[in-house]
Each structure stands twice: as structure tokens, then as C-alpha cells.
């Protein structure tokens, strides 16, 4: 059995995000070939109309981190996930992990997590991801639906959704996407951000 590459795993995650949005919209998700750079997939509506979909990840970034250099948090997430998976395979018991921009902890009953000292503003995480996609300046005859994969165990709060909607409206014509959806990794229903 060949292990999956990072690109294959990424494509599976993107497809899962698109499928979640498709279920919420009452349409069908259609995968895009892995070799294609744009779009990540399609929403196919009952009338046969297809909308392109782009997926971007959102997670906590330290102030001033350059998205072009990659995110320390995401690298730590991948390393923590791999370490937890290896421990699970070794022991047969599920393992959890905690991530921040400094590293990761694989947790057991004795693990003490660092105290949270700043409020979580997931809307900021989502907005940074939106800005990252806007900077790529996609040109297409059909605007894509933007799906943000939120790396958080928490659903967006009502207040975060409101702040996001205001921020997206403030972008005006710079926001060239047909719609904005947020999907987290924990099975909460996708949230459409009114814009």
C-alpha cells in the first residue's frame, strides 16, 4: 500500500470541505483533478449549473507572520497530528494534541496545557485567510465560492459571523468571490457569511 502524499491528503480535505458546503446548499460536490491548480472543486446544482470552489485554511497566526513563508502553526499541527497518530498506532489508544506557534504537545492524563491569555478571535483567522486568497487575484468568468477551512474545535459565534460579514462588506469590490462559507474540522454545520 502506498502512503498518501501531502498533496493527496490536502486534496481529500479540500473535497471534504466542498462536500460539507454542497450538503448545506442541497447540491452535489464534484472533485477537480489533483493536477489542476484552479479550482479546487465544483458545486453542481440541480439545474446542472456548476460553480467553481476555492478552499483556504484558517488558523491562528502570530501578528506579522508572512503567509508566503508558510505558517509555523500549521507545520506544528501536522507534526502534532503525525505524532498523535503514531502513538495511537503504537498503543491502540486515541491520542490528542495541542498546537500553538511555538510547537505541539501530545497529551495524556498528566499534560497541563498552557493558560490561554488572549481571547480567541476566529473571525480574524478567517479574515486573514480571505485576504490571502484575495492576494492571489484569480481571474475567471465565473466567480468562485470561497470555502474557509477553520482549524478550530469551536464553531463560529454569532458575534464572529457578524464581524466577518461587516469586514467582507467593507472589502467592497476587492471581494470577488460568489460566496463565503466557513467549515471547521469537527463536523459543525458550514456557516455561510452574509456579505
C-alpha atoms as a PDB file:
ATOM      1  CA  UNK A   1       0.000   0.000   0.000  1.00  0.00           C
ATOM      2  CA  UNK A   2       1.401   3.405  -0.993  1.00  0.00           C
ATOM      3  CA  UNK A   3       1.179   6.115   1.657  1.00  0.00           C
ATOM      4  CA  UNK A   4      -0.656   9.246   0.560  1.00  0.00           C
ATOM      5  CA  UNK A   5       1.339  12.318  -0.315  1.00  0.00           C
ATOM      6  CA  UNK A   6       0.742  15.657   1.403  1.00  0.00           C
ATOM      7  CA  UNK A   7      -0.898  16.902  -1.818  1.00  0.00           C
ATOM      8  CA  UNK A   8      -3.284  13.909  -1.902  1.00  0.00           C
ATOM      9  CA  UNK A   9      -4.225  14.419   1.763  1.00  0.00           C
ATOM     10  CA  UNK A  10      -4.745  18.144   1.107  1.00  0.00           C
ATOM     11  CA  UNK A  11      -6.993  17.369  -1.879  1.00  0.00           C
ATOM     12  CA  UNK A  12      -9.063  14.982   0.291  1.00  0.00           C
ATOM     13  CA  UNK A  13      -9.511  17.667   2.957  1.00  0.00           C
ATOM     14  CA  UNK A  14     -10.482  20.240   0.320  1.00  0.00           C
ATOM     15  CA  UNK A  15     -13.001  17.780  -1.138  1.00  0.00           C
ATOM     16  CA  UNK A  16     -14.480  17.106   2.318  1.00  0.00           C
ATOM     17  CA  UNK A  17     -14.938  20.861   2.858  1.00  0.00           C
ATOM     18  CA  UNK A  18     -16.616  21.230  -0.539  1.00  0.00           C
ATOM     19  CA  UNK A  19     -18.873  18.242   0.196  1.00  0.00           C
ATOM     20  CA  UNK A  20     -19.967  19.813   3.504  1.00  0.00           C
ATOM     21  CA  UNK A  21     -20.938  23.030   1.705  1.00  0.00           C
ATOM     22  CA  UNK A  22     -22.676  21.069  -1.070  1.00  0.00           C
ATOM     23  CA  UNK A  23     -24.831  19.261   1.527  1.00  0.00           C
ATOM     24  CA  UNK A  24     -25.710  22.612   3.136  1.00  0.00           C
ATOM     25  CA  UNK A  25     -26.664  24.042  -0.289  1.00  0.00           C
ATOM     26  CA  UNK A  26     -28.586  20.970  -1.423  1.00  0.00           C
ATOM     27  CA  UNK A  27     -26.302  20.352  -4.374  1.00  0.00           C
ATOM     28  CA  UNK A  28     -23.531  17.954  -5.387  1.00  0.00           C
ATOM     29  CA  UNK A  29     -19.776  18.295  -4.875  1.00  0.00           C
ATOM     30  CA  UNK A  30     -17.639  17.480  -7.893  1.00  0.00           C
ATOM     31  CA  UNK A  31     -13.931  16.840  -7.484  1.00  0.00           C
ATOM     32  CA  UNK A  32     -11.348  18.580  -9.639  1.00  0.00           C
ATOM     33  CA  UNK A  33      -8.351  16.652 -10.912  1.00  0.00           C
ATOM     34  CA  UNK A  34      -5.434  16.824  -8.499  1.00  0.00           C
ATOM     35  CA  UNK A  35      -3.117  18.158 -11.211  1.00  0.00           C
ATOM     36  CA  UNK A  36      -5.238  21.261 -11.819  1.00  0.00           C
ATOM     37  CA  UNK A  37      -4.352  24.350  -9.837  1.00  0.00           C
ATOM     38  CA  UNK A  38      -7.768  26.019 -10.133  1.00  0.00           C
ATOM     39  CA  UNK A  39     -10.435  25.463  -8.949  1.00  0.00           C
ATOM     40  CA  UNK A  40     -10.242  23.057  -6.006  1.00  0.00           C
ATOM     41  CA  UNK A  41     -13.642  21.605  -6.942  1.00  0.00           C
ATOM     42  CA  UNK A  42     -17.174  22.428  -8.041  1.00  0.00           C
ATOM     43  CA  UNK A  43     -20.675  22.789  -6.665  1.00  0.00           C
ATOM     44  CA  UNK A  44     -23.105  21.272  -9.149  1.00  0.00           C
ATOM     45  CA  UNK A  45     -26.668  22.494  -8.690  1.00  0.00           C
ATOM     46  CA  UNK A  46     -29.803  20.545  -9.601  1.00  0.00           C
ATOM     47  CA  UNK A  47     -30.207  22.629 -12.784  1.00  0.00           C
ATOM     48  CA  UNK A  48     -26.736  21.452 -13.913  1.00  0.00           C
ATOM     49  CA  UNK A  49     -25.063  24.808 -13.257  1.00  0.00           C
ATOM     50  CA  UNK A  50     -21.554  24.458 -11.843  1.00  0.00           C
ATOM     51  CA  UNK A  51     -19.819  26.942  -9.560  1.00  0.00           C
ATOM     52  CA  UNK A  52     -16.056  26.759  -9.032  1.00  0.00           C
ATOM     53  CA  UNK A  53     -14.897  26.442  -5.421  1.00  0.00           C
ATOM     54  CA  UNK A  54     -11.634  27.508  -3.815  1.00  0.00           C
ATOM     55  CA  UNK A  55     -10.634  26.259  -0.336  1.00  0.00           C
ATOM     56  CA  UNK A  56      -8.227  28.016   2.017  1.00  0.00           C
ATOM     57  CA  UNK A  57      -7.155  27.109   5.554  1.00  0.00           C
ATOM     58  CA  UNK A  58      -7.583  29.465   8.513  1.00  0.00           C
ATOM     59  CA  UNK A  59      -5.787  29.160  11.829  1.00  0.00           C
ATOM     60  CA  UNK A  60      -4.216  31.353  14.449  1.00  0.00           C
ATOM     61  CA  UNK A  61      -1.299  33.326  13.072  1.00  0.00           C
ATOM     62  CA  UNK A  62       1.016  35.468  15.152  1.00  0.00           C
ATOM     63  CA  UNK A  63       0.957  39.150  14.272  1.00  0.00           C
ATOM     64  CA  UNK A  64       3.265  39.946  11.385  1.00  0.00           C
ATOM     65  CA  UNK A  65       3.732  36.356  10.152  1.00  0.00           C
ATOM     66  CA  UNK A  66       4.242  36.389   6.384  1.00  0.00           C
ATOM     67  CA  UNK A  67       1.820  33.903   4.761  1.00  0.00           C
ATOM     68  CA  UNK A  68       4.281  33.412   1.883  1.00  0.00           C
ATOM     69  CA  UNK A  69       6.798  31.740   4.207  1.00  0.00           C
ATOM     70  CA  UNK A  70       4.261  29.226   5.486  1.00  0.00           C
ATOM     71  CA  UNK A  71       2.649  29.070   8.881  1.00  0.00           C
ATOM     72  CA  UNK A  72       4.510  27.773  11.903  1.00  0.00           C
ATOM     73  CA  UNK A  73       1.150  26.858  13.451  1.00  0.00           C
ATOM     74  CA  UNK A  74       0.177  24.640  10.505  1.00  0.00           C
ATOM     75  CA  UNK A  75       3.587  22.931  10.451  1.00  0.00           C
ATOM     76  CA  UNK A  76       3.184  22.250  14.186  1.00  0.00           C
ATOM     77  CA  UNK A  77      -0.371  20.958  13.587  1.00  0.00           C
ATOM     78  CA  UNK A  78       0.889  18.457  11.003  1.00  0.00           C
ATOM     79  CA  UNK A  79       3.736  17.330  13.274  1.00  0.00           C
ATOM     80  CA  UNK A  80       1.379  17.005  16.260  1.00  0.00           C
ATOM     81  CA  UNK A  81      -1.143  15.069  14.196  1.00  0.00           C
ATOM     82  CA  UNK A  82       1.591  12.694  12.965  1.00  0.00           C
ATOM     83  CA  UNK A  83       2.959  12.196  16.496  1.00  0.00           C
ATOM     84  CA  UNK A  84      -0.531  11.532  17.883  1.00  0.00           C
ATOM     85  CA  UNK A  85      -1.290   9.095  15.035  1.00  0.00           C
ATOM     86  CA  UNK A  86       1.993   7.250  15.652  1.00  0.00           C
ATOM     87  CA  UNK A  87       1.208   7.000  19.380  1.00  0.00           C
ATOM     88  CA  UNK A  88      -2.299   5.718  18.612  1.00  0.00           C
ATOM     89  CA  UNK A  89      -0.896   3.080  16.251  1.00  0.00           C
ATOM     90  CA  UNK A  90       1.643   2.036  18.889  1.00  0.00           C
ATOM     91  CA  UNK A  91      -0.691   1.891  21.891  1.00  0.00           C
ATOM     92  CA  UNK A  92      -4.125   1.404  20.329  1.00  0.00           C
ATOM     93  CA  UNK A  93      -5.439   4.321  22.413  1.00  0.00           C
ATOM     94  CA  UNK A  94      -6.608   7.576  20.874  1.00  0.00           C
ATOM     95  CA  UNK A  95      -4.216  10.475  21.388  1.00  0.00           C
ATOM     96  CA  UNK A  96      -4.899  14.197  21.294  1.00  0.00           C
ATOM     97  CA  UNK A  97      -2.513  17.032  20.660  1.00  0.00           C
ATOM     98  CA  UNK A  98      -2.315  20.740  21.369  1.00  0.00           C
ATOM     99  CA  UNK A  99      -0.756  23.226  18.974  1.00  0.00           C
ATOM    100  CA  UNK A 100       0.458  26.793  19.126  1.00  0.00           C
ATOM    101  CA  UNK A 101       3.012  28.752  17.095  1.00  0.00           C
ATOM    102  CA  UNK A 102       5.816  27.540  19.405  1.00  0.00           C
ATOM    103  CA  UNK A 103       5.226  23.823  18.944  1.00  0.00           C
ATOM    104  CA  UNK A 104       2.886  20.978  19.855  1.00  0.00           C
ATOM    105  CA  UNK A 105       2.132  18.722  22.816  1.00  0.00           C
ATOM    106  CA  UNK A 106       0.838  15.168  22.546  1.00  0.00           C
ATOM    107  CA  UNK A 107      -1.458  14.935  25.542  1.00  0.00           C
ATOM    108  CA  UNK A 108      -2.053  12.308  28.134  1.00  0.00           C
ATOM    109  CA  UNK A 109      -3.792  12.457  31.538  1.00  0.00           C
ATOM    110  CA  UNK A 110      -0.842  14.333  33.070  1.00  0.00           C
ATOM    111  CA  UNK A 111      -0.477  17.015  30.372  1.00  0.00           C
ATOM    112  CA  UNK A 112      -1.077  20.539  31.583  1.00  0.00           C
ATOM    113  CA  UNK A 113      -1.951  22.930  28.794  1.00  0.00           C
ATOM    114  CA  UNK A 114      -0.610  26.464  28.848  1.00  0.00           C
ATOM    115  CA  UNK A 115      -3.111  29.002  30.133  1.00  0.00           C
ATOM    116  CA  UNK A 116      -4.900  30.949  27.429  1.00  0.00           C
ATOM    117  CA  UNK A 117      -4.027  34.610  27.919  1.00  0.00           C
ATOM    118  CA  UNK A 118      -5.626  36.180  24.866  1.00  0.00           C
ATOM    119  CA  UNK A 119      -9.177  35.873  23.594  1.00  0.00           C
ATOM    120  CA  UNK A 120      -9.801  33.665  20.598  1.00  0.00           C
ATOM    121  CA  UNK A 121     -10.933  35.751  17.616  1.00  0.00           C
ATOM    122  CA  UNK A 122     -11.629  33.143  14.983  1.00  0.00           C
ATOM    123  CA  UNK A 123     -13.095  35.804  12.703  1.00  0.00           C
ATOM    124  CA  UNK A 124      -9.599  37.317  12.492  1.00  0.00           C
ATOM    125  CA  UNK A 125      -8.237  33.929  11.433  1.00  0.00           C
ATOM    126  CA  UNK A 126     -10.885  33.612   8.724  1.00  0.00           C
ATOM    127  CA  UNK A 127     -10.335  37.174   7.527  1.00  0.00           C
ATOM    128  CA  UNK A 128      -6.575  36.599   7.196  1.00  0.00           C
ATOM    129  CA  UNK A 129      -7.305  33.531   5.056  1.00  0.00           C
ATOM    130  CA  UNK A 130      -9.701  35.561   2.893  1.00  0.00           C
ATOM    131  CA  UNK A 131      -7.042  38.250   2.403  1.00  0.00           C
ATOM    132  CA  UNK A 132      -4.554  35.528   1.432  1.00  0.00           C
ATOM    133  CA  UNK A 133      -6.917  34.305  -1.324  1.00  0.00           C
ATOM    134  CA  UNK A 134      -7.714  37.843  -2.477  1.00  0.00           C
ATOM    135  CA  UNK A 135      -3.981  38.489  -2.913  1.00  0.00           C
ATOM    136  CA  UNK A 136      -3.820  35.638  -5.467  1.00  0.00           C
ATOM    137  CA  UNK A 137      -6.073  37.754  -7.708  1.00  0.00           C
ATOM    138  CA  UNK A 138      -7.941  34.981  -9.532  1.00  0.00           C
ATOM    139  CA  UNK A 139      -9.337  35.970 -12.904  1.00  0.00           C
ATOM    140  CA  UNK A 140     -12.294  33.922 -14.084  1.00  0.00           C
ATOM    141  CA  UNK A 141     -15.512  34.477 -15.949  1.00  0.00           C
ATOM    142  CA  UNK A 142     -17.352  32.799 -13.077  1.00  0.00           C
ATOM    143  CA  UNK A 143     -16.593  33.951  -9.528  1.00  0.00           C
ATOM    144  CA  UNK A 144     -15.637  31.077  -7.241  1.00  0.00           C
ATOM    145  CA  UNK A 145     -17.272  30.183  -3.963  1.00  0.00           C
ATOM    146  CA  UNK A 146     -14.651  30.586  -1.225  1.00  0.00           C
ATOM    147  CA  UNK A 147     -14.642  27.928   1.493  1.00  0.00           C
ATOM    148  CA  UNK A 148     -12.503  28.607   4.545  1.00  0.00           C
ATOM    149  CA  UNK A 149     -11.414  25.515   6.459  1.00  0.00           C
ATOM    150  CA  UNK A 150     -11.221  26.724  10.073  1.00  0.00           C
ATOM    151  CA  UNK A 151      -8.675  24.800  12.144  1.00  0.00           C
ATOM    152  CA  UNK A 152     -10.567  25.115  15.403  1.00  0.00           C
ATOM    153  CA  UNK A 153     -12.655  22.841  17.622  1.00  0.00           C
ATOM    154  CA  UNK A 154     -15.047  25.746  18.196  1.00  0.00           C
ATOM    155  CA  UNK A 155     -17.858  26.805  15.885  1.00  0.00           C
ATOM    156  CA  UNK A 156     -18.003  30.459  14.886  1.00  0.00           C
ATOM    157  CA  UNK A 157     -20.020  32.514  17.356  1.00  0.00           C
ATOM    158  CA  UNK A 158     -22.850  34.791  16.292  1.00  0.00           C
ATOM    159  CA  UNK A 159     -20.610  37.790  17.026  1.00  0.00           C
ATOM    160  CA  UNK A 160     -17.764  36.405  14.901  1.00  0.00           C
ATOM    161  CA  UNK A 161     -20.163  35.837  11.991  1.00  0.00           C
ATOM    162  CA  UNK A 162     -21.414  39.430  12.309  1.00  0.00           C
ATOM    163  CA  UNK A 163     -17.882  40.860  12.426  1.00  0.00           C
ATOM    164  CA  UNK A 164     -16.911  38.763   9.400  1.00  0.00           C
ATOM    165  CA  UNK A 165     -19.949  39.927   7.432  1.00  0.00           C
ATOM    166  CA  UNK A 166     -19.060  43.557   8.187  1.00  0.00           C
ATOM    167  CA  UNK A 167     -15.422  43.025   7.218  1.00  0.00           C
ATOM    168  CA  UNK A 168     -16.362  41.302   3.940  1.00  0.00           C
ATOM    169  CA  UNK A 169     -18.801  44.082   3.043  1.00  0.00           C
ATOM    170  CA  UNK A 170     -16.045  46.620   3.799  1.00  0.00           C
ATOM    171  CA  UNK A 171     -13.816  44.927   1.198  1.00  0.00           C
ATOM    172  CA  UNK A 172     -16.272  46.030  -1.487  1.00  0.00           C
ATOM    173  CA  UNK A 173     -15.215  45.039  -4.995  1.00  0.00           C
ATOM    174  CA  UNK A 174     -11.936  43.532  -3.753  1.00  0.00           C
ATOM    175  CA  UNK A 175     -14.016  40.540  -2.579  1.00  0.00           C
ATOM    176  CA  UNK A 176     -14.554  38.888  -5.960  1.00  0.00           C
ATOM    177  CA  UNK A 177     -15.957  35.598  -4.690  1.00  0.00           C
ATOM    178  CA  UNK A 178     -19.557  34.464  -5.231  1.00  0.00           C
ATOM    179  CA  UNK A 179     -19.996  33.462  -1.579  1.00  0.00           C
ATOM    180  CA  UNK A 180     -18.038  32.793   1.615  1.00  0.00           C
ATOM    181  CA  UNK A 181     -18.535  29.653   3.682  1.00  0.00           C
ATOM    182  CA  UNK A 182     -16.667  28.550   6.829  1.00  0.00           C
ATOM    183  CA  UNK A 183     -16.234  24.852   7.630  1.00  0.00           C
ATOM    184  CA  UNK A 184     -14.445  23.564  10.731  1.00  0.00           C
ATOM    185  CA  UNK A 185     -12.730  20.208  11.225  1.00  0.00           C
ATOM    186  CA  UNK A 186     -15.190  18.962  13.843  1.00  0.00           C
ATOM    187  CA  UNK A 187     -18.384  18.360  11.898  1.00  0.00           C
ATOM    188  CA  UNK A 188     -20.273  21.527  12.808  1.00  0.00           C
ATOM    189  CA  UNK A 189     -22.605  22.679  10.028  1.00  0.00           C
ATOM    190  CA  UNK A 190     -20.955  25.011   7.497  1.00  0.00           C
ATOM    191  CA  UNK A 191     -21.647  28.691   8.083  1.00  0.00           C
ATOM    192  CA  UNK A 192     -22.425  30.999   5.167  1.00  0.00           C
ATOM    193  CA  UNK A 193     -21.187  34.507   5.851  1.00  0.00           C
ATOM    194  CA  UNK A 194     -23.729  37.057   4.661  1.00  0.00           C
ATOM    195  CA  UNK A 195     -21.919  39.603   2.532  1.00  0.00           C
END
